[in-house]
């Protein structure tokens, strides 16, 4: 793909993301204290990742399968975010705000 944006989207998709989006910090609307620059000074972009839940789980009338799938997806998203963070060349030297 050539560009960092393209390479990041390709990497995240190969790692399991169903949705990958990148936007500028200026396009990110959030209340004071919850904006990207509130967590990481100098941030210029926001990467959004998503994984979809299984249709059969969403169609289930039982609460337990949905909760189990949600907890599993939460763990998978944590791993995906960590891998994407490591993929970006500057994150290994940057200091996180928290």
C-alpha atoms as a PDB file:
ATOM      1  CA  UNK A   1       0.000   0.000   0.000  1.00  0.00           C
ATOM      2  CA  UNK A   2       2.876   2.386   0.621  1.00  0.00           C
ATOM      3  CA  UNK A   3       1.442   4.929   3.057  1.00  0.00           C
ATOM      4  CA  UNK A   4       1.498   4.447   6.820  1.00  0.00           C
ATOM      5  CA  UNK A   5      -2.313   4.737   6.845  1.00  0.00           C
ATOM      6  CA  UNK A   6      -2.643   1.945   4.291  1.00  0.00           C
ATOM      7  CA  UNK A   7      -0.076  -0.238   5.998  1.00  0.00           C
ATOM      8  CA  UNK A   8      -1.765   0.269   9.379  1.00  0.00           C
ATOM      9  CA  UNK A   9      -5.193  -0.625   7.987  1.00  0.00           C
ATOM     10  CA  UNK A  10      -3.790  -3.724   6.295  1.00  0.00           C
ATOM     11  CA  UNK A  11      -1.946  -4.814   9.455  1.00  0.00           C
ATOM     12  CA  UNK A  12      -4.967  -4.294  11.725  1.00  0.00           C
ATOM     13  CA  UNK A  13      -7.236  -6.184   9.337  1.00  0.00           C
ATOM     14  CA  UNK A  14      -4.802  -9.109   9.182  1.00  0.00           C
ATOM     15  CA  UNK A  15      -4.716  -9.116  12.990  1.00  0.00           C
ATOM     16  CA  UNK A  16      -8.505  -9.452  13.181  1.00  0.00           C
ATOM     17  CA  UNK A  17     -10.053  -5.977  12.957  1.00  0.00           C
ATOM     18  CA  UNK A  18     -13.346  -5.821  11.086  1.00  0.00           C
ATOM     19  CA  UNK A  19     -13.284  -2.025  11.076  1.00  0.00           C
ATOM     20  CA  UNK A  20     -10.313   0.319  10.900  1.00  0.00           C
ATOM     21  CA  UNK A  21     -10.652   4.079  10.712  1.00  0.00           C
ATOM     22  CA  UNK A  22      -8.208   6.935  11.091  1.00  0.00           C
ATOM     23  CA  UNK A  23      -9.121  10.581  11.545  1.00  0.00           C
ATOM     24  CA  UNK A  24      -7.489  13.772  12.731  1.00  0.00           C
ATOM     25  CA  UNK A  25      -7.777  14.893  16.339  1.00  0.00           C
ATOM     26  CA  UNK A  26      -9.707  17.941  15.103  1.00  0.00           C
ATOM     27  CA  UNK A  27     -12.523  15.670  13.838  1.00  0.00           C
ATOM     28  CA  UNK A  28     -12.840  13.886  17.195  1.00  0.00           C
ATOM     29  CA  UNK A  29     -15.641  15.352  19.288  1.00  0.00           C
ATOM     30  CA  UNK A  30     -15.513  14.622  23.006  1.00  0.00           C
ATOM     31  CA  UNK A  31     -16.031  16.512  26.257  1.00  0.00           C
ATOM     32  CA  UNK A  32     -13.125  18.278  27.953  1.00  0.00           C
ATOM     33  CA  UNK A  33     -10.951  15.707  29.679  1.00  0.00           C
ATOM     34  CA  UNK A  34     -11.855  12.940  27.203  1.00  0.00           C
ATOM     35  CA  UNK A  35     -10.251  14.241  24.022  1.00  0.00           C
ATOM     36  CA  UNK A  36      -7.205  12.483  22.535  1.00  0.00           C
ATOM     37  CA  UNK A  37      -4.940  15.421  23.447  1.00  0.00           C
ATOM     38  CA  UNK A  38      -6.091  15.121  27.065  1.00  0.00           C
ATOM     39  CA  UNK A  39      -4.500  11.654  27.153  1.00  0.00           C
ATOM     40  CA  UNK A  40      -1.569  12.123  24.796  1.00  0.00           C
ATOM     41  CA  UNK A  41      -0.208  15.634  24.369  1.00  0.00           C
ATOM     42  CA  UNK A  42       0.658  16.392  20.758  1.00  0.00           C
ATOM     43  CA  UNK A  43      -1.653  13.713  19.332  1.00  0.00           C
ATOM     44  CA  UNK A  44      -2.569  14.427  15.721  1.00  0.00           C
ATOM     45  CA  UNK A  45      -4.591  11.358  14.721  1.00  0.00           C
ATOM     46  CA  UNK A  46      -7.020   8.873  16.218  1.00  0.00           C
ATOM     47  CA  UNK A  47      -7.148   5.215  15.208  1.00  0.00           C
ATOM     48  CA  UNK A  48     -10.513   3.494  15.637  1.00  0.00           C
ATOM     49  CA  UNK A  49     -10.724  -0.301  15.624  1.00  0.00           C
ATOM     50  CA  UNK A  50     -13.739  -2.577  15.754  1.00  0.00           C
ATOM     51  CA  UNK A  51     -14.616  -6.257  15.802  1.00  0.00           C
ATOM     52  CA  UNK A  52     -18.138  -7.485  15.254  1.00  0.00           C
ATOM     53  CA  UNK A  53     -19.982  -9.874  17.505  1.00  0.00           C
ATOM     54  CA  UNK A  54     -21.242 -13.115  15.999  1.00  0.00           C
ATOM     55  CA  UNK A  55     -24.754 -12.851  14.560  1.00  0.00           C
ATOM     56  CA  UNK A  56     -25.832 -16.032  16.323  1.00  0.00           C
ATOM     57  CA  UNK A  57     -24.813 -14.544  19.670  1.00  0.00           C
ATOM     58  CA  UNK A  58     -26.630 -11.300  18.987  1.00  0.00           C
ATOM     59  CA  UNK A  59     -29.754 -13.256  17.969  1.00  0.00           C
ATOM     60  CA  UNK A  60     -29.705 -15.363  21.133  1.00  0.00           C
ATOM     61  CA  UNK A  61     -32.437 -14.743  23.670  1.00  0.00           C
ATOM     62  CA  UNK A  62     -30.134 -15.924  26.432  1.00  0.00           C
ATOM     63  CA  UNK A  63     -28.041 -13.354  28.254  1.00  0.00           C
ATOM     64  CA  UNK A  64     -25.043 -15.605  29.040  1.00  0.00           C
ATOM     65  CA  UNK A  65     -23.782 -16.178  25.445  1.00  0.00           C
ATOM     66  CA  UNK A  66     -23.895 -12.441  24.756  1.00  0.00           C
ATOM     67  CA  UNK A  67     -21.991 -11.579  27.941  1.00  0.00           C
ATOM     68  CA  UNK A  68     -19.414 -14.303  27.280  1.00  0.00           C
ATOM     69  CA  UNK A  69     -18.878 -13.080  23.725  1.00  0.00           C
ATOM     70  CA  UNK A  70     -18.630  -9.457  24.908  1.00  0.00           C
ATOM     71  CA  UNK A  71     -15.973 -10.377  27.493  1.00  0.00           C
ATOM     72  CA  UNK A  72     -14.045 -12.409  24.916  1.00  0.00           C
ATOM     73  CA  UNK A  73     -14.208  -9.562  22.377  1.00  0.00           C
ATOM     74  CA  UNK A  74     -13.028  -7.115  25.034  1.00  0.00           C
ATOM     75  CA  UNK A  75      -9.919  -9.221  25.596  1.00  0.00           C
ATOM     76  CA  UNK A  76      -9.366  -9.633  21.855  1.00  0.00           C
ATOM     77  CA  UNK A  77      -9.687  -5.858  21.347  1.00  0.00           C
ATOM     78  CA  UNK A  78      -7.119  -5.230  24.095  1.00  0.00           C
ATOM     79  CA  UNK A  79      -4.693  -7.522  22.286  1.00  0.00           C
ATOM     80  CA  UNK A  80      -5.452  -5.960  18.914  1.00  0.00           C
ATOM     81  CA  UNK A  81      -4.908  -2.431  20.241  1.00  0.00           C
ATOM     82  CA  UNK A  82      -1.605  -3.467  21.780  1.00  0.00           C
ATOM     83  CA  UNK A  83      -0.423  -5.028  18.500  1.00  0.00           C
ATOM     84  CA  UNK A  84      -1.474  -1.944  16.511  1.00  0.00           C
ATOM     85  CA  UNK A  85       0.275   0.300  19.036  1.00  0.00           C
ATOM     86  CA  UNK A  86       3.466  -1.702  18.642  1.00  0.00           C
ATOM     87  CA  UNK A  87       3.115  -1.529  14.851  1.00  0.00           C
ATOM     88  CA  UNK A  88       3.326   2.268  14.906  1.00  0.00           C
ATOM     89  CA  UNK A  89       7.003   3.265  14.799  1.00  0.00           C
ATOM     90  CA  UNK A  90       6.918   6.053  17.391  1.00  0.00           C
ATOM     91  CA  UNK A  91       4.924   4.353  20.166  1.00  0.00           C
ATOM     92  CA  UNK A  92       7.902   2.426  21.498  1.00  0.00           C
ATOM     93  CA  UNK A  93       9.613   5.709  22.442  1.00  0.00           C
ATOM     94  CA  UNK A  94       6.606   7.908  23.304  1.00  0.00           C
ATOM     95  CA  UNK A  95       5.398   8.327  26.863  1.00  0.00           C
ATOM     96  CA  UNK A  96       1.718   7.660  27.434  1.00  0.00           C
ATOM     97  CA  UNK A  97      -0.285  10.150  29.449  1.00  0.00           C
ATOM     98  CA  UNK A  98      -1.555   7.652  31.987  1.00  0.00           C
END
